[in-house]
Protein backbone atom coordinates (compact mmCIF):
# COMPACT_ATOMS: atom_id res chain seq x y z
CA UNK A 1 20.56 74.06 7.33
CA UNK A 2 18.24 72.60 10.25
CA UNK A 3 20.01 68.95 9.22
CA UNK A 4 23.14 70.62 9.53
CA UNK A 5 22.57 72.48 12.90
CA UNK A 6 21.15 68.94 14.33
CA UNK A 7 23.90 66.95 13.11
CA UNK A 8 26.07 69.98 14.53
CA UNK A 9 24.53 69.72 17.98
CA UNK A 10 24.39 66.31 18.10
CA UNK A 11 28.41 66.12 18.07
CA UNK A 12 28.77 68.77 20.41
CA UNK A 13 26.57 66.80 23.01
CA UNK A 14 28.52 63.36 22.44
CA UNK A 15 31.97 65.36 22.09
CA UNK A 16 30.73 66.63 25.90
CA UNK A 17 29.85 62.94 27.11
CA UNK A 18 33.59 62.26 25.78
CA UNK A 19 34.87 64.42 27.54
CA UNK A 20 33.48 63.93 31.15
CA UNK A 21 33.82 60.22 30.74
CA UNK A 22 37.41 60.85 30.11
CA UNK A 23 37.71 63.16 33.11
CA UNK A 24 35.98 60.79 35.18
CA UNK A 25 38.40 57.56 34.54
CA UNK A 26 41.32 60.27 34.96
CA UNK A 27 39.90 60.24 38.52
CA UNK A 28 39.20 56.88 38.95
CA UNK A 29 43.08 55.93 40.05
CA UNK A 30 42.95 52.30 40.45
CA UNK A 31 40.86 51.51 36.85
CA UNK A 32 42.88 53.91 35.49
CA UNK A 33 46.35 52.13 36.75
CA UNK A 34 44.97 48.84 35.71
CA UNK A 35 44.06 50.12 32.07
CA UNK A 36 47.65 50.55 31.69
CA UNK A 37 48.88 48.27 34.23
CA UNK A 38 47.41 44.77 33.14
CA UNK A 39 48.43 44.41 29.73
CA UNK A 40 52.10 45.57 30.27
CA UNK A 41 52.26 42.81 33.27
CA UNK A 42 50.41 40.13 31.23
CA UNK A 43 52.77 40.96 28.22
CA UNK A 44 55.99 40.78 29.92
CA UNK A 45 55.24 38.10 31.81
CA UNK A 46 53.69 35.49 29.65
CA UNK A 47 56.13 36.95 26.83
CA UNK A 48 59.00 34.89 29.14
CA UNK A 49 56.86 32.41 30.67
CA UNK A 50 54.88 31.08 27.52
CA UNK A 51 57.46 28.52 26.20
CA UNK A 52 55.89 25.31 23.81
CA UNK A 53 59.24 24.13 23.66
CA UNK A 54 58.58 21.59 26.24
CA UNK A 55 62.40 20.98 28.39
CA UNK A 56 63.73 19.79 31.56
CA UNK A 57 61.51 17.58 32.33
CA UNK A 58 61.76 15.82 35.75
CA UNK A 59 62.48 12.49 35.02
CA UNK A 60 63.93 9.46 37.50
CA UNK A 61 66.08 6.75 36.38
CA UNK A 62 66.33 2.89 37.22
CA UNK A 63 69.79 1.41 35.93
CA UNK A 64 69.91 -2.07 35.91
CA UNK A 65 73.00 -2.58 34.14
CA UNK A 66 75.46 -0.01 35.81
CA UNK A 67 77.49 -0.40 32.39
CA UNK A 68 79.54 2.20 30.23
CA UNK A 69 76.39 2.18 28.11
CA UNK A 70 73.95 3.14 30.34
CA UNK A 71 75.57 6.20 31.29
CA UNK A 72 76.44 7.20 27.80
CA UNK A 73 72.95 6.83 26.43
CA UNK A 74 71.98 8.83 30.20
CA UNK A 75 74.54 11.40 28.94
CA UNK A 76 72.95 11.66 25.72
CA UNK A 77 69.51 12.11 27.20
CA UNK A 78 70.83 14.75 29.33
CA UNK A 79 72.14 16.76 26.41
CA UNK A 80 69.24 16.96 24.63
CA UNK A 81 67.76 19.23 27.76
CA UNK A 82 64.24 17.86 27.26
CA UNK A 83 64.63 15.29 30.12
CA UNK A 84 66.26 15.99 33.53
CA UNK A 85 67.06 13.22 36.02
CA UNK A 86 65.84 13.91 39.75
CA UNK A 87 65.67 10.88 41.34
CA UNK A 88 67.52 7.21 40.86
CA UNK A 89 65.40 4.15 41.97
CA UNK A 90 66.82 0.47 42.43
CA UNK A 91 63.38 -0.92 41.62
CA UNK A 92 60.77 0.11 38.63
CA UNK A 93 57.87 -0.48 41.07
CA UNK A 94 59.38 2.31 42.92
CA UNK A 95 59.72 4.74 39.58
CA UNK A 96 55.91 3.89 39.09
CA UNK A 97 54.99 4.87 42.43
CA UNK A 98 56.78 8.04 42.12
CA UNK A 99 55.04 8.88 38.77
CA UNK A 100 51.77 8.23 40.11
CA UNK A 101 52.69 10.82 42.90
CA UNK A 102 53.67 13.25 40.35
CA UNK A 103 56.95 13.20 41.75
CA UNK A 104 58.56 12.96 38.08
CA UNK A 105 57.05 12.57 34.56
CA UNK A 106 58.64 9.77 32.93
CA UNK A 107 61.53 6.85 34.30
CA UNK A 108 63.91 5.32 32.09
CA UNK A 109 64.31 1.69 32.71
CA UNK A 110 67.57 0.30 31.41
CA UNK A 111 67.60 -3.40 31.80
CA UNK A 112 70.83 -5.79 32.51
CA UNK A 113 70.78 -7.43 29.37
CA UNK A 114 71.48 -3.96 27.26
CA UNK A 115 74.70 -5.19 25.88
CA UNK A 116 73.18 -8.15 24.49
CA UNK A 117 70.43 -5.54 22.97
CA UNK A 118 73.04 -4.14 20.99
CA UNK A 119 73.41 -6.88 18.55
CA UNK A 120 69.50 -7.71 18.21
CA UNK A 121 66.44 -6.03 17.17
CA UNK A 122 65.03 -4.86 20.58
CA UNK A 123 65.11 -1.92 21.83
CA UNK A 124 68.09 -0.47 24.33
CA UNK A 125 65.56 1.01 27.11
CA UNK A 126 62.45 1.39 28.34
CA UNK A 127 60.62 4.58 29.05
CA UNK A 128 57.52 4.54 31.35
CA UNK A 129 55.48 7.87 30.62
CA UNK A 130 52.94 9.77 32.26
CA UNK A 131 50.89 10.30 29.60
CA UNK A 132 48.16 12.26 31.31
CA UNK A 133 49.76 15.75 29.87
CA UNK A 134 49.89 15.21 26.25
CA UNK A 135 52.58 18.09 25.81
CA UNK A 136 54.38 16.07 27.94
CA UNK A 137 53.94 12.78 26.48
CA UNK A 138 54.68 14.07 22.91
CA UNK A 139 58.28 15.61 24.06
CA UNK A 140 59.16 11.96 25.95
CA UNK A 141 58.12 10.39 22.79
CA UNK A 142 59.74 12.02 20.66
CA UNK A 143 63.27 10.45 22.23
CA UNK A 144 62.17 7.11 21.09
CA UNK A 145 64.34 7.05 17.87
CA UNK A 146 67.36 9.41 19.26
CA UNK A 147 70.35 8.85 17.57
CA UNK A 148 72.72 8.16 20.17
CA UNK A 149 75.86 10.28 18.81
CA UNK A 150 77.61 9.77 22.31
CA UNK A 151 78.00 5.74 21.40
CA UNK A 152 81.59 6.48 19.16
CA UNK A 153 83.50 3.68 20.66
CA UNK A 154 84.44 0.97 17.54
CA UNK A 155 82.41 -1.94 19.54
CA UNK A 156 79.73 0.00 20.14
CA UNK A 157 79.59 1.58 16.58
CA UNK A 158 79.86 -1.82 15.42
CA UNK A 159 77.23 -3.31 17.21
CA UNK A 160 74.58 -1.04 17.50
CA UNK A 161 71.79 -1.14 14.45
CA UNK A 162 70.86 2.28 13.92
CA UNK A 163 67.70 1.42 12.10
CA UNK A 164 65.39 -0.39 15.45
CA UNK A 165 63.93 1.89 17.93
CA UNK A 166 66.47 3.25 20.63
CA UNK A 167 63.50 3.31 23.10
CA UNK A 168 60.61 1.33 23.92
CA UNK A 169 57.74 3.35 24.97
CA UNK A 170 55.30 2.83 27.58
CA UNK A 171 52.20 5.50 28.16
CA UNK A 172 50.43 5.01 31.64
CA UNK A 173 47.02 7.04 31.88
CA UNK A 174 46.53 8.10 28.28
CA UNK A 175 48.06 5.27 26.05
CA UNK A 176 46.37 6.78 23.03
CA UNK A 177 47.61 10.43 23.71
CA UNK A 178 44.26 12.20 23.42
CA UNK A 179 43.80 15.61 24.37
CA UNK A 180 40.52 15.40 26.35
CA UNK A 181 42.01 13.31 28.74
CA UNK A 182 44.52 16.11 29.63
CA UNK A 183 42.38 19.29 29.22
CA UNK A 184 38.83 18.25 30.94
CA UNK A 185 40.47 17.71 34.51
CA UNK A 186 42.17 20.97 34.17
CA UNK A 187 38.76 22.61 32.83
CA UNK A 188 37.37 21.55 36.08
CA UNK A 189 39.91 24.29 37.83
CA UNK A 190 39.59 27.02 35.30
CA UNK A 191 36.28 27.34 35.31
CA UNK A 192 35.94 26.87 39.32
CA UNK A 193 38.94 29.81 39.67
CA UNK A 194 36.51 31.85 37.30
CA UNK A 195 33.15 31.16 38.53
CA UNK A 196 33.84 31.06 42.55
CA UNK A 197 36.52 34.27 42.29
CA UNK A 198 33.97 36.23 40.18
CA UNK A 199 30.99 35.72 42.48
CA UNK A 200 32.92 36.64 45.70
CA UNK A 201 34.83 39.36 44.49
CA UNK A 202 32.05 41.31 43.93
CA UNK A 203 29.99 40.69 47.03
CA UNK A 204 31.31 43.29 49.66
CA UNK A 205 31.34 45.69 46.96
CA UNK A 206 27.52 45.03 45.82
CA UNK A 207 26.95 44.91 49.33
CA UNK A 208 28.24 48.93 49.49
CA UNK A 209 27.35 50.09 46.16
CA UNK A 210 23.22 49.19 47.27
CA UNK A 211 23.73 50.32 50.95
CA UNK A 212 23.47 47.51 52.48
CA UNK A 213 26.63 47.99 54.53
CA UNK A 214 24.35 50.06 56.34
CA UNK A 215 22.26 47.38 57.82
CA UNK A 216 25.24 45.02 58.58
CA UNK A 217 26.48 47.99 61.27
CA UNK A 218 23.79 47.91 63.16
CA UNK A 219 24.10 43.87 63.55
CA UNK A 220 26.15 42.02 65.37
CA UNK A 221 27.72 40.22 62.47
CA UNK A 222 31.82 39.61 62.98
CA UNK A 223 34.04 40.17 60.01
CA UNK A 224 35.01 36.59 60.11
CA UNK A 225 31.33 35.41 60.42
CA UNK A 226 30.76 37.52 57.50
CA UNK A 227 33.30 35.94 55.21
CA UNK A 228 32.76 32.84 56.02
CA UNK A 229 28.25 33.16 55.45
CA UNK A 230 29.75 34.68 52.12
CA UNK A 231 31.54 31.63 51.23
CA UNK A 232 29.37 28.68 51.97
CA UNK A 233 26.13 29.12 49.94
CA UNK A 234 29.23 28.99 46.81
CA UNK A 235 30.86 26.16 47.85
CA UNK A 236 27.70 23.95 46.90
CA UNK A 237 27.38 25.61 43.61
CA UNK A 238 31.39 24.84 42.97
CA UNK A 239 30.69 21.23 43.88
CA UNK A 240 27.79 20.95 41.42
CA UNK A 241 30.07 22.68 38.35
CA UNK A 242 32.70 20.20 39.26
CA UNK A 243 29.86 16.99 38.77
CA UNK A 244 28.75 18.56 35.80
CA UNK A 245 31.92 19.23 34.18
CA UNK A 246 33.44 15.51 35.08
CA UNK A 247 30.00 13.70 34.68
CA UNK A 248 29.62 15.07 31.21
CA UNK A 249 33.61 14.89 30.37
CA UNK A 250 32.90 10.75 30.92
CA UNK A 251 29.96 10.50 29.21
CA UNK A 252 30.96 12.31 25.99
CA UNK A 253 34.73 12.28 26.13
CA UNK A 254 35.09 9.10 28.03
CA UNK A 255 37.57 10.49 30.24
CA UNK A 256 38.36 8.00 32.98
CA UNK A 257 38.02 8.67 36.76
CA UNK A 258 40.33 6.44 38.08
CA UNK A 259 40.63 7.79 41.60
CA UNK A 260 38.33 7.56 44.63
CA UNK A 261 35.13 10.26 44.12
CA UNK A 262 35.14 10.74 48.16
CA UNK A 263 39.01 12.42 47.74
CA UNK A 264 38.05 14.06 44.84
CA UNK A 265 35.73 16.07 46.23
CA UNK A 266 37.24 16.67 49.36
CA UNK A 267 40.05 18.01 46.80
CA UNK A 268 37.36 20.38 45.35
CA UNK A 269 35.80 21.67 48.09
CA UNK A 270 39.43 22.35 49.73
CA UNK A 271 39.85 24.34 46.19
CA UNK A 272 36.39 25.79 46.04
CA UNK A 273 37.16 27.20 49.89
CA UNK A 274 40.03 28.67 48.41
CA UNK A 275 39.37 30.14 45.30
CA UNK A 276 36.08 31.98 47.38
CA UNK A 277 38.74 33.34 49.64
CA UNK A 278 40.57 34.47 46.98
CA UNK A 279 37.30 36.25 45.59
CA UNK A 280 36.83 37.54 49.16
CA UNK A 281 40.33 39.60 49.21
CA UNK A 282 39.38 40.96 46.14
CA UNK A 283 36.32 42.62 47.31
CA UNK A 284 38.32 43.89 50.12
CA UNK A 285 40.59 45.76 47.93
CA UNK A 286 37.71 46.96 44.82
CA UNK A 287 35.80 49.89 45.08
CA UNK A 288 33.79 49.03 42.47
CA UNK A 289 32.34 46.03 40.75
CA UNK A 290 34.00 47.13 37.53
CA UNK A 291 37.40 46.90 39.71
CA UNK A 292 36.45 43.82 40.89
CA UNK A 293 36.02 42.30 37.67
CA UNK A 294 38.96 43.88 36.28
CA UNK A 295 41.00 41.82 39.25
CA UNK A 296 39.39 38.94 38.45
CA UNK A 297 40.48 38.81 34.80
CA UNK A 298 43.70 39.80 36.07
CA UNK A 299 44.38 36.41 37.98
CA UNK A 300 42.18 34.11 36.02
CA UNK A 301 44.64 34.63 32.76
CA UNK A 302 47.65 33.53 35.17
CA UNK A 303 45.65 30.72 36.31
CA UNK A 304 44.71 29.78 32.79
CA UNK A 305 48.56 30.17 31.38
CA UNK A 306 50.49 29.42 34.18
CA UNK A 307 49.22 26.43 36.20
CA UNK A 308 50.14 23.73 33.89
CA UNK A 309 46.27 23.76 32.12
CA UNK A 310 48.15 24.72 28.72
CA UNK A 311 51.57 24.63 29.13
CA UNK A 312 54.03 22.38 31.22
CA UNK A 313 55.04 23.74 34.40
CA UNK A 314 58.70 22.42 33.65
CA UNK A 315 58.73 24.31 30.58
CA UNK A 316 58.61 27.89 32.30
CA UNK A 317 61.00 30.01 33.45
CA UNK A 318 61.91 29.91 37.40
CA UNK A 319 60.17 33.29 38.23
CA UNK A 320 56.95 32.00 36.02
CA UNK A 321 57.30 28.84 37.86
CA UNK A 322 57.10 30.77 41.78
CA UNK A 323 54.27 32.89 40.62
CA UNK A 324 52.35 29.71 39.70
CA UNK A 325 53.02 28.06 43.07
CA UNK A 326 51.20 30.93 44.35
CA UNK A 327 47.92 30.57 42.45
CA UNK A 328 45.19 27.99 43.82
CA UNK A 329 44.43 26.64 40.56
CA UNK A 330 48.12 25.25 40.33
CA UNK A 331 47.82 23.00 42.92
CA UNK A 332 44.29 21.89 42.39
CA UNK A 333 45.48 21.09 38.63
CA UNK A 334 48.49 18.71 40.19
CA UNK A 335 45.42 17.01 42.59
CA UNK A 336 42.57 16.47 40.15
CA UNK A 337 44.73 14.97 37.62
CA UNK A 338 46.36 13.06 39.92
CA UNK A 339 43.10 11.49 41.28
CA UNK A 340 41.31 11.12 38.17
CA UNK A 341 43.58 10.00 35.68
CA UNK A 342 46.47 8.27 38.22
CA UNK A 343 44.50 7.00 40.67
CA UNK A 344 46.51 9.02 43.24
CA UNK A 345 45.29 9.53 46.61
CA UNK A 346 45.67 12.47 48.55
CA UNK A 347 48.36 11.05 50.61
CA UNK A 348 50.46 11.23 48.00
CA UNK A 349 49.33 14.51 46.79
CA UNK A 350 49.67 16.46 50.07
CA UNK A 351 51.99 19.28 49.84
CA UNK A 352 49.18 20.83 47.02
CA UNK A 353 46.58 19.69 49.64
CA UNK A 354 48.65 21.60 52.63
CA UNK A 355 48.94 24.72 50.66
CA UNK A 356 45.37 25.20 49.49
CA UNK A 357 44.11 24.71 53.54
CA UNK A 358 46.81 26.88 54.44
CA UNK A 359 45.94 29.58 51.52
CA UNK A 360 42.14 29.19 52.78
CA UNK A 361 42.99 29.82 56.54
CA UNK A 362 45.57 32.93 55.68
CA UNK A 363 42.92 34.16 53.08
CA UNK A 364 40.48 34.24 55.76
CA UNK A 365 42.08 36.25 58.31
CA UNK A 366 43.15 38.55 56.16
CA UNK A 367 40.24 39.45 54.67
CA UNK A 368 37.90 39.63 57.90
CA UNK A 369 41.18 42.12 58.87
CA UNK A 370 40.74 44.25 55.99
CA UNK A 371 37.17 44.18 56.17
CA UNK A 372 35.48 47.31 58.41
CA UNK A 373 31.91 47.59 58.97
CA UNK A 374 31.42 50.85 58.13
CA UNK A 375 30.76 53.10 55.59
CA UNK A 376 33.63 54.89 53.61
């Protein structure tokens, strides 16, 4: 009897605690809303946005023949929907420069003697591919033996040797097509996003929960000064983290660092500042550290899936691309892959750098305006 009564009393106490927690959760409307909305929004967003079938890759064309055969090849390639020709260049050097800047993912170079190539064993044309993104490189590489169904005229069909490769493939920046070459630089952006946003998103919330805002009320510290003071220490933490990731990536996975280190650290400095500013914005919205962490996770998942870290940016729907453009990680992944793998300069990648600087300045102003140096 005593054992049965003890079990019944224990269950009643557990039930009372469960009811109390549910009531408390229902009163916390922001947390309750995030419980419902976070999985709903991310399911809809990523269900439509994530696509492993690479499509519409922006590529360039260098047509040295200006022939009917060249136009036929381009038409066949457009029909695959794998590539989208966005630029024509007169010289191969110009196309390679566009590849370095990240304006295009590949360039098709059609030689002058393409008519003669129909009669011998040589490929008809050459693809020059940015191999720093292995998924993009593999998609273009899949066109190597593409059948030219549009070459249906009697002259072309009788001359063309179907046994040879249609295109010659030249892979830049990652000729071995190793995944680590692509992942390690992108991992810098993801880890910095996670740590920098998380560190600062709980900063002001922690001050409020510990009662330290009472001390701030009595000091002459201005909101902007507080924002900057909260950010600066973590800038050095972020630079150390980046150095560790890239250093170990170079030593363990043989990831090349082709660009200039000073430009790399400058780009990282701007991105870290933008990520910390994003964390400060979250800290002015969240009322508890739990809410701050939930909002951080809500932003982290899009940064992983939409920024180009795992899936090519060009393969996503237009709406997902617009969302990706808002995320600092999207712009830094372009910067760090460009500098580390393609030896690009900040002058080549200036739109992404300017966007990160603008995000940081505007974010600081908004966070300082939202922060009120008083107790709720």
